[in-house]
């Protein structure tokens, strides 16, 4: 019987005026995804939360304003426990969009900062597939209606069109779904928000990560933060090969 996995990818910081962008997500095996949806939904129902959105949850904005900070911390711990129990692999790519636009020479084959981050996430998924010897197919899910939906759709169709890339990313399908309804996307929201926050803390010379990020990350999870020196290396490498393939 063929193995199946599901990947949920979300973004933080892609709104206008945001200097830092993070694209992140989780990979679940099929059974783990089913169990995760049940566990996450159980927490939301018990705490009378319609959906999870970290940008409002962290400061206690509506619809989370009925919980004080200690209660929100306790709820987040339960959600993190569900991720640890069910998700096989977490990944993220973060970049300062202003630095990206300054350093990376515009090229249609490369795209903007979002495209760059998404391709980095796909590379991490490809590496996971090789490490785990995964032989099945992966269904990819993105937030519907987001500003970058058309770019995500274009990239995934490029993957679908190329047989070698389909094999490399174990591509089975992709779809755009409502984050308020599909709870695994809410776990990706949590991961993306925390890594973006951590990048900004670094810009502000805050050396200590948030406790919830430390609690969330596991040894098997992968992240990369593209600061200026690394972006310069990327630009030089792109110049050597003359572009960026799928």
C-alpha atoms as a PDB file:
ATOM      1  CA  UNK A   1       0.000   0.000   0.000  1.00  0.00           C
ATOM      2  CA  UNK A   2       1.341   3.429  -0.933  1.00  0.00           C
ATOM      3  CA  UNK A   3       2.275   5.817   1.863  1.00  0.00           C
ATOM      4  CA  UNK A   4       0.699   9.249   2.009  1.00  0.00           C
ATOM      5  CA  UNK A   5       1.724  12.434   3.757  1.00  0.00           C
ATOM      6  CA  UNK A   6       0.268  15.914   4.106  1.00  0.00           C
ATOM      7  CA  UNK A   7       2.204  19.185   4.236  1.00  0.00           C
ATOM      8  CA  UNK A   8       0.673  22.408   5.544  1.00  0.00           C
ATOM      9  CA  UNK A   9       2.457  25.662   4.717  1.00  0.00           C
ATOM     10  CA  UNK A  10       1.662  29.145   6.001  1.00  0.00           C
ATOM     11  CA  UNK A  11       3.361  32.550   6.092  1.00  0.00           C
ATOM     12  CA  UNK A  12       3.962  35.294   8.615  1.00  0.00           C
ATOM     13  CA  UNK A  13       4.993  38.833   7.771  1.00  0.00           C
ATOM     14  CA  UNK A  14       3.816  38.970   4.167  1.00  0.00           C
ATOM     15  CA  UNK A  15       1.503  41.919   4.877  1.00  0.00           C
ATOM     16  CA  UNK A  16       2.386  45.374   3.567  1.00  0.00           C
ATOM     17  CA  UNK A  17       4.967  47.180   5.661  1.00  0.00           C
ATOM     18  CA  UNK A  18       6.433  44.050   7.232  1.00  0.00           C
ATOM     19  CA  UNK A  19      10.228  43.870   6.847  1.00  0.00           C
ATOM     20  CA  UNK A  20      10.595  40.182   7.743  1.00  0.00           C
ATOM     21  CA  UNK A  21       8.900  37.233   6.057  1.00  0.00           C
ATOM     22  CA  UNK A  22       8.748  33.626   7.207  1.00  0.00           C
ATOM     23  CA  UNK A  23       7.293  30.664   5.330  1.00  0.00           C
ATOM     24  CA  UNK A  24       6.935  27.561   7.480  1.00  0.00           C
ATOM     25  CA  UNK A  25       5.004  24.377   7.903  1.00  0.00           C
ATOM     26  CA  UNK A  26       4.629  20.842   9.158  1.00  0.00           C
ATOM     27  CA  UNK A  27       4.627  17.469   7.477  1.00  0.00           C
ATOM     28  CA  UNK A  28       2.277  14.786   8.812  1.00  0.00           C
ATOM     29  CA  UNK A  29       1.899  11.190   7.790  1.00  0.00           C
ATOM     30  CA  UNK A  30      -1.729  10.481   6.937  1.00  0.00           C
ATOM     31  CA  UNK A  31      -2.622   8.818  10.237  1.00  0.00           C
ATOM     32  CA  UNK A  32      -0.808  11.526  12.189  1.00  0.00           C
ATOM     33  CA  UNK A  33      -2.710  14.249  10.339  1.00  0.00           C
ATOM     34  CA  UNK A  34      -6.025  12.625  11.245  1.00  0.00           C
ATOM     35  CA  UNK A  35      -5.034  12.329  14.902  1.00  0.00           C
ATOM     36  CA  UNK A  36      -3.702  15.890  14.956  1.00  0.00           C
ATOM     37  CA  UNK A  37      -6.934  17.392  13.612  1.00  0.00           C
ATOM     38  CA  UNK A  38      -8.821  15.629  16.382  1.00  0.00           C
ATOM     39  CA  UNK A  39      -6.418  16.665  19.177  1.00  0.00           C
ATOM     40  CA  UNK A  40      -6.103  20.306  18.076  1.00  0.00           C
ATOM     41  CA  UNK A  41      -9.864  20.690  17.577  1.00  0.00           C
ATOM     42  CA  UNK A  42     -10.457  19.230  21.041  1.00  0.00           C
ATOM     43  CA  UNK A  43      -8.320  21.962  22.645  1.00  0.00           C
ATOM     44  CA  UNK A  44     -10.051  24.712  20.662  1.00  0.00           C
ATOM     45  CA  UNK A  45     -13.507  23.426  21.586  1.00  0.00           C
ATOM     46  CA  UNK A  46     -12.652  23.061  25.277  1.00  0.00           C
ATOM     47  CA  UNK A  47     -11.265  26.601  25.442  1.00  0.00           C
ATOM     48  CA  UNK A  48     -14.082  28.119  23.335  1.00  0.00           C
ATOM     49  CA  UNK A  49     -11.669  29.259  20.602  1.00  0.00           C
ATOM     50  CA  UNK A  50     -13.103  29.373  17.060  1.00  0.00           C
ATOM     51  CA  UNK A  51      -9.655  29.064  15.446  1.00  0.00           C
ATOM     52  CA  UNK A  52      -6.003  29.722  16.282  1.00  0.00           C
ATOM     53  CA  UNK A  53      -4.156  32.745  14.907  1.00  0.00           C
ATOM     54  CA  UNK A  54      -0.894  33.552  16.675  1.00  0.00           C
ATOM     55  CA  UNK A  55      -0.730  37.254  15.753  1.00  0.00           C
ATOM     56  CA  UNK A  56      -3.886  37.786  17.850  1.00  0.00           C
ATOM     57  CA  UNK A  57      -3.387  34.960  20.332  1.00  0.00           C
ATOM     58  CA  UNK A  58       0.013  36.156  21.580  1.00  0.00           C
ATOM     59  CA  UNK A  59      -1.187  39.619  22.769  1.00  0.00           C
ATOM     60  CA  UNK A  60      -4.644  38.373  23.789  1.00  0.00           C
ATOM     61  CA  UNK A  61      -6.652  40.175  21.130  1.00  0.00           C
ATOM     62  CA  UNK A  62     -10.160  39.089  20.117  1.00  0.00           C
ATOM     63  CA  UNK A  63     -11.227  36.248  19.970  1.00  0.00           C
ATOM     64  CA  UNK A  64      -8.734  35.296  22.669  1.00  0.00           C
ATOM     65  CA  UNK A  65      -9.440  38.186  25.032  1.00  0.00           C
ATOM     66  CA  UNK A  66     -11.399  35.968  27.432  1.00  0.00           C
ATOM     67  CA  UNK A  67      -8.093  34.338  28.457  1.00  0.00           C
ATOM     68  CA  UNK A  68      -5.421  35.973  30.588  1.00  0.00           C
ATOM     69  CA  UNK A  69      -1.732  35.436  29.813  1.00  0.00           C
ATOM     70  CA  UNK A  70      -1.225  32.397  32.097  1.00  0.00           C
ATOM     71  CA  UNK A  71      -4.238  30.748  30.480  1.00  0.00           C
ATOM     72  CA  UNK A  72      -2.957  31.468  26.975  1.00  0.00           C
ATOM     73  CA  UNK A  73       0.413  29.985  27.908  1.00  0.00           C
ATOM     74  CA  UNK A  74      -1.310  26.849  29.203  1.00  0.00           C
ATOM     75  CA  UNK A  75      -3.366  26.527  26.008  1.00  0.00           C
ATOM     76  CA  UNK A  76      -0.322  27.017  23.790  1.00  0.00           C
ATOM     77  CA  UNK A  77       1.479  24.264  25.694  1.00  0.00           C
ATOM     78  CA  UNK A  78      -1.381  21.906  24.868  1.00  0.00           C
ATOM     79  CA  UNK A  79      -1.212  22.853  21.192  1.00  0.00           C
ATOM     80  CA  UNK A  80       2.558  22.363  21.135  1.00  0.00           C
ATOM     81  CA  UNK A  81       2.092  18.933  22.714  1.00  0.00           C
ATOM     82  CA  UNK A  82      -0.316  18.010  19.881  1.00  0.00           C
ATOM     83  CA  UNK A  83       2.282  19.071  17.300  1.00  0.00           C
ATOM     84  CA  UNK A  84       4.981  17.020  19.018  1.00  0.00           C
ATOM     85  CA  UNK A  85       2.677  14.013  19.168  1.00  0.00           C
ATOM     86  CA  UNK A  86       1.530  14.078  15.559  1.00  0.00           C
ATOM     87  CA  UNK A  87       3.829  16.051  13.220  1.00  0.00           C
ATOM     88  CA  UNK A  88       6.781  14.230  11.705  1.00  0.00           C
ATOM     89  CA  UNK A  89       8.777  17.239  10.536  1.00  0.00           C
ATOM     90  CA  UNK A  90       8.724  21.030  10.855  1.00  0.00           C
ATOM     91  CA  UNK A  91      10.534  23.467   8.559  1.00  0.00           C
ATOM     92  CA  UNK A  92      10.854  27.212   8.015  1.00  0.00           C
ATOM     93  CA  UNK A  93      12.697  29.793   5.936  1.00  0.00           C
ATOM     94  CA  UNK A  94      12.939  33.419   7.079  1.00  0.00           C
ATOM     95  CA  UNK A  95      14.303  36.449   5.256  1.00  0.00           C
ATOM     96  CA  UNK A  96      14.394  40.229   5.565  1.00  0.00           C
ATOM     97  CA  UNK A  97      12.461  41.170   2.426  1.00  0.00           C
ATOM     98  CA  UNK A  98      14.162  44.546   2.110  1.00  0.00           C
ATOM     99  CA  UNK A  99      17.604  42.935   2.156  1.00  0.00           C
ATOM    100  CA  UNK A 100      16.417  40.273  -0.280  1.00  0.00           C
ATOM    101  CA  UNK A 101      15.249  42.918  -2.759  1.00  0.00           C
ATOM    102  CA  UNK A 102      18.478  44.866  -2.307  1.00  0.00           C
ATOM    103  CA  UNK A 103      20.865  41.930  -2.779  1.00  0.00           C
ATOM    104  CA  UNK A 104      19.169  39.402  -5.075  1.00  0.00           C
ATOM    105  CA  UNK A 105      19.132  40.485  -8.720  1.00  0.00           C
ATOM    106  CA  UNK A 106      15.535  40.384 -10.063  1.00  0.00           C
ATOM    107  CA  UNK A 107      14.994  37.332 -12.241  1.00  0.00           C
ATOM    108  CA  UNK A 108      11.680  35.729 -13.289  1.00  0.00           C
ATOM    109  CA  UNK A 109      13.124  32.271 -12.682  1.00  0.00           C
ATOM    110  CA  UNK A 110      13.884  33.201  -9.059  1.00  0.00           C
ATOM    111  CA  UNK A 111      10.905  35.326  -8.078  1.00  0.00           C
ATOM    112  CA  UNK A 112      10.407  37.457  -5.015  1.00  0.00           C
ATOM    113  CA  UNK A 113      11.092  36.805  -1.364  1.00  0.00           C
ATOM    114  CA  UNK A 114       8.004  34.626  -0.903  1.00  0.00           C
ATOM    115  CA  UNK A 115       8.966  32.415  -3.848  1.00  0.00           C
ATOM    116  CA  UNK A 116      12.488  32.180  -2.448  1.00  0.00           C
ATOM    117  CA  UNK A 117      11.237  31.088   0.985  1.00  0.00           C
ATOM    118  CA  UNK A 118       8.736  28.599  -0.434  1.00  0.00           C
ATOM    119  CA  UNK A 119      11.355  26.965  -2.627  1.00  0.00           C
ATOM    120  CA  UNK A 120      13.583  26.703   0.450  1.00  0.00           C
ATOM    121  CA  UNK A 121      10.784  24.904   2.296  1.00  0.00           C
ATOM    122  CA  UNK A 122      10.320  22.522  -0.625  1.00  0.00           C
ATOM    123  CA  UNK A 123      14.047  21.779  -0.526  1.00  0.00           C
ATOM    124  CA  UNK A 124      13.752  20.854   3.160  1.00  0.00           C
ATOM    125  CA  UNK A 125      10.846  18.537   2.358  1.00  0.00           C
ATOM    126  CA  UNK A 126      12.899  16.918  -0.401  1.00  0.00           C
ATOM    127  CA  UNK A 127      15.755  16.348   2.048  1.00  0.00           C
ATOM    128  CA  UNK A 128      13.330  14.816   4.560  1.00  0.00           C
ATOM    129  CA  UNK A 129      12.019  12.468   1.866  1.00  0.00           C
ATOM    130  CA  UNK A 130      15.535  11.241   1.137  1.00  0.00           C
ATOM    131  CA  UNK A 131      16.519  10.898   4.795  1.00  0.00           C
ATOM    132  CA  UNK A 132      13.367   8.977   5.669  1.00  0.00           C
ATOM    133  CA  UNK A 133      13.305   6.947   2.428  1.00  0.00           C
ATOM    134  CA  UNK A 134       9.689   8.024   1.953  1.00  0.00           C
ATOM    135  CA  UNK A 135       8.233   6.369  -1.146  1.00  0.00           C
ATOM    136  CA  UNK A 136       4.710   7.730  -1.181  1.00  0.00           C
ATOM    137  CA  UNK A 137       3.008  10.930  -2.270  1.00  0.00           C
ATOM    138  CA  UNK A 138       2.623  14.243  -0.466  1.00  0.00           C
ATOM    139  CA  UNK A 139      -0.449  16.478  -0.628  1.00  0.00           C
ATOM    140  CA  UNK A 140       0.468  20.150  -0.113  1.00  0.00           C
ATOM    141  CA  UNK A 141      -1.966  22.619   1.470  1.00  0.00           C
ATOM    142  CA  UNK A 142      -1.754  26.432   1.526  1.00  0.00           C
ATOM    143  CA  UNK A 143      -3.964  29.160   2.954  1.00  0.00           C
ATOM    144  CA  UNK A 144      -6.698  30.187   0.519  1.00  0.00           C
ATOM    145  CA  UNK A 145      -7.171  33.834  -0.376  1.00  0.00           C
ATOM    146  CA  UNK A 146      -3.726  34.901   0.758  1.00  0.00           C
ATOM    147  CA  UNK A 147      -1.809  37.638  -1.052  1.00  0.00           C
ATOM    148  CA  UNK A 148       0.752  35.124  -2.283  1.00  0.00           C
ATOM    149  CA  UNK A 149      -1.701  32.413  -3.387  1.00  0.00           C
ATOM    150  CA  UNK A 150      -1.085  33.023  -7.084  1.00  0.00           C
ATOM    151  CA  UNK A 151       2.674  32.779  -6.617  1.00  0.00           C
ATOM    152  CA  UNK A 152       2.379  29.596  -4.564  1.00  0.00           C
ATOM    153  CA  UNK A 153       0.079  28.142  -7.201  1.00  0.00           C
ATOM    154  CA  UNK A 154       2.526  29.023  -9.984  1.00  0.00           C
ATOM    155  CA  UNK A 155       5.447  27.410  -8.159  1.00  0.00           C
ATOM    156  CA  UNK A 156       3.508  24.224  -7.427  1.00  0.00           C
ATOM    157  CA  UNK A 157       2.360  23.959 -11.044  1.00  0.00           C
ATOM    158  CA  UNK A 158       6.001  24.275 -12.093  1.00  0.00           C
ATOM    159  CA  UNK A 159       6.769  21.351  -9.791  1.00  0.00           C
ATOM    160  CA  UNK A 160       3.823  19.397 -11.198  1.00  0.00           C
ATOM    161  CA  UNK A 161       4.951  20.011 -14.779  1.00  0.00           C
ATOM    162  CA  UNK A 162       8.458  18.631 -14.280  1.00  0.00           C
ATOM    163  CA  UNK A 163       8.648  14.864 -13.722  1.00  0.00           C
ATOM    164  CA  UNK A 164      11.984  14.975 -11.915  1.00  0.00           C
ATOM    165  CA  UNK A 165      10.783  17.720  -9.565  1.00  0.00           C
ATOM    166  CA  UNK A 166       7.572  15.759  -8.906  1.00  0.00           C
ATOM    167  CA  UNK A 167       9.683  12.828  -7.811  1.00  0.00           C
ATOM    168  CA  UNK A 168      12.026  14.991  -5.740  1.00  0.00           C
ATOM    169  CA  UNK A 169       9.180  16.578  -3.797  1.00  0.00           C
ATOM    170  CA  UNK A 170       6.973  13.440  -3.802  1.00  0.00           C
ATOM    171  CA  UNK A 171       4.302  15.681  -5.282  1.00  0.00           C
ATOM    172  CA  UNK A 172       0.807  14.248  -5.277  1.00  0.00           C
ATOM    173  CA  UNK A 173      -1.408  17.328  -5.273  1.00  0.00           C
ATOM    174  CA  UNK A 174      -1.786  20.820  -3.890  1.00  0.00           C
ATOM    175  CA  UNK A 175      -4.771  22.829  -2.742  1.00  0.00           C
ATOM    176  CA  UNK A 176      -5.704  26.109  -1.106  1.00  0.00           C
ATOM    177  CA  UNK A 177      -7.877  25.799   1.995  1.00  0.00           C
ATOM    178  CA  UNK A 178      -9.361  28.065   4.669  1.00  0.00           C
ATOM    179  CA  UNK A 179      -7.030  28.313   7.664  1.00  0.00           C
ATOM    180  CA  UNK A 180      -9.916  28.921  10.048  1.00  0.00           C
ATOM    181  CA  UNK A 181     -11.390  25.563   9.037  1.00  0.00           C
ATOM    182  CA  UNK A 182      -8.278  23.400   8.467  1.00  0.00           C
ATOM    183  CA  UNK A 183      -6.478  23.081  11.772  1.00  0.00           C
ATOM    184  CA  UNK A 184      -3.069  21.788  10.550  1.00  0.00           C
ATOM    185  CA  UNK A 185      -2.605  25.150   8.799  1.00  0.00           C
ATOM    186  CA  UNK A 186      -2.970  26.744  12.221  1.00  0.00           C
ATOM    187  CA  UNK A 187       0.054  24.798  13.447  1.00  0.00           C
ATOM    188  CA  UNK A 188       2.028  26.215  10.510  1.00  0.00           C
ATOM    189  CA  UNK A 189       0.788  29.673  11.507  1.00  0.00           C
ATOM    190  CA  UNK A 190       2.232  29.171  14.998  1.00  0.00           C
ATOM    191  CA  UNK A 191       5.598  28.014  13.660  1.00  0.00           C
ATOM    192  CA  UNK A 192       5.897  30.815  11.091  1.00  0.00           C
ATOM    193  CA  UNK A 193       4.969  33.531  13.602  1.00  0.00           C
ATOM    194  CA  UNK A 194       7.482  32.309  16.190  1.00  0.00           C
ATOM    195  CA  UNK A 195      10.395  32.056  13.744  1.00  0.00           C
ATOM    196  CA  UNK A 196       9.598  35.490  12.282  1.00  0.00           C
ATOM    197  CA  UNK A 197       9.493  36.894  15.802  1.00  0.00           C
ATOM    198  CA  UNK A 198      12.846  35.275  16.537  1.00  0.00           C
ATOM    199  CA  UNK A 199      14.410  36.847  13.422  1.00  0.00           C
ATOM    200  CA  UNK A 200      13.152  40.285  14.491  1.00  0.00           C
ATOM    201  CA  UNK A 201      14.506  39.741  18.005  1.00  0.00           C
ATOM    202  CA  UNK A 202      17.895  39.071  16.420  1.00  0.00           C
ATOM    203  CA  UNK A 203      17.685  42.322  14.437  1.00  0.00           C
ATOM    204  CA  UNK A 204      16.967  44.085  17.732  1.00  0.00           C
ATOM    205  CA  UNK A 205      19.972  42.378  19.387  1.00  0.00           C
ATOM    206  CA  UNK A 206      17.794  40.251  21.674  1.00  0.00           C
ATOM    207  CA  UNK A 207      19.806  37.065  22.010  1.00  0.00           C
ATOM    208  CA  UNK A 208      17.301  34.933  23.924  1.00  0.00           C
ATOM    209  CA  UNK A 209      14.498  33.177  22.040  1.00  0.00           C
ATOM    210  CA  UNK A 210      10.930  33.067  23.321  1.00  0.00           C
ATOM    211  CA  UNK A 211      10.245  30.139  25.640  1.00  0.00           C
ATOM    212  CA  UNK A 212       7.411  28.862  23.432  1.00  0.00           C
ATOM    213  CA  UNK A 213       9.717  28.683  20.393  1.00  0.00           C
ATOM    214  CA  UNK A 214      12.279  26.757  22.438  1.00  0.00           C
ATOM    215  CA  UNK A 215       9.521  24.399  23.592  1.00  0.00           C
ATOM    216  CA  UNK A 216       8.129  23.936  20.081  1.00  0.00           C
ATOM    217  CA  UNK A 217      11.313  23.107  18.159  1.00  0.00           C
ATOM    218  CA  UNK A 218      12.577  19.528  18.056  1.00  0.00           C
ATOM    219  CA  UNK A 219      15.930  18.133  16.867  1.00  0.00           C
ATOM    220  CA  UNK A 220      14.440  16.871  13.594  1.00  0.00           C
ATOM    221  CA  UNK A 221      12.920  20.237  12.658  1.00  0.00           C
ATOM    222  CA  UNK A 222      14.861  22.434  10.216  1.00  0.00           C
ATOM    223  CA  UNK A 223      15.061  26.208   9.913  1.00  0.00           C
ATOM    224  CA  UNK A 224      17.189  28.661   8.008  1.00  0.00           C
ATOM    225  CA  UNK A 225      17.382  32.432   8.468  1.00  0.00           C
ATOM    226  CA  UNK A 226      18.747  34.334   5.479  1.00  0.00           C
ATOM    227  CA  UNK A 227      20.593  37.304   6.893  1.00  0.00           C
ATOM    228  CA  UNK A 228      22.681  39.633   4.729  1.00  0.00           C
ATOM    229  CA  UNK A 229      25.926  37.556   4.523  1.00  0.00           C
ATOM    230  CA  UNK A 230      24.017  34.438   3.514  1.00  0.00           C
ATOM    231  CA  UNK A 231      21.979  36.341   0.930  1.00  0.00           C
ATOM    232  CA  UNK A 232      25.213  37.622  -0.602  1.00  0.00           C
ATOM    233  CA  UNK A 233      26.412  34.015  -0.879  1.00  0.00           C
ATOM    234  CA  UNK A 234      23.120  33.072  -2.554  1.00  0.00           C
ATOM    235  CA  UNK A 235      23.417  35.927  -5.052  1.00  0.00           C
ATOM    236  CA  UNK A 236      26.956  34.870  -5.939  1.00  0.00           C
ATOM    237  CA  UNK A 237      25.862  31.240  -6.368  1.00  0.00           C
ATOM    238  CA  UNK A 238      22.932  32.238  -8.582  1.00  0.00           C
ATOM    239  CA  UNK A 239      25.294  34.281 -10.724  1.00  0.00           C
ATOM    240  CA  UNK A 240      27.535  31.260 -11.203  1.00  0.00           C
ATOM    241  CA  UNK A 241      24.738  28.974 -12.393  1.00  0.00           C
ATOM    242  CA  UNK A 242      22.818  31.642 -14.290  1.00  0.00           C
ATOM    243  CA  UNK A 243      19.471  31.273 -12.547  1.00  0.00           C
ATOM    244  CA  UNK A 244      17.386  29.096 -10.282  1.00  0.00           C
ATOM    245  CA  UNK A 245      15.655  25.945 -11.386  1.00  0.00           C
ATOM    246  CA  UNK A 246      12.563  24.384  -9.864  1.00  0.00           C
END
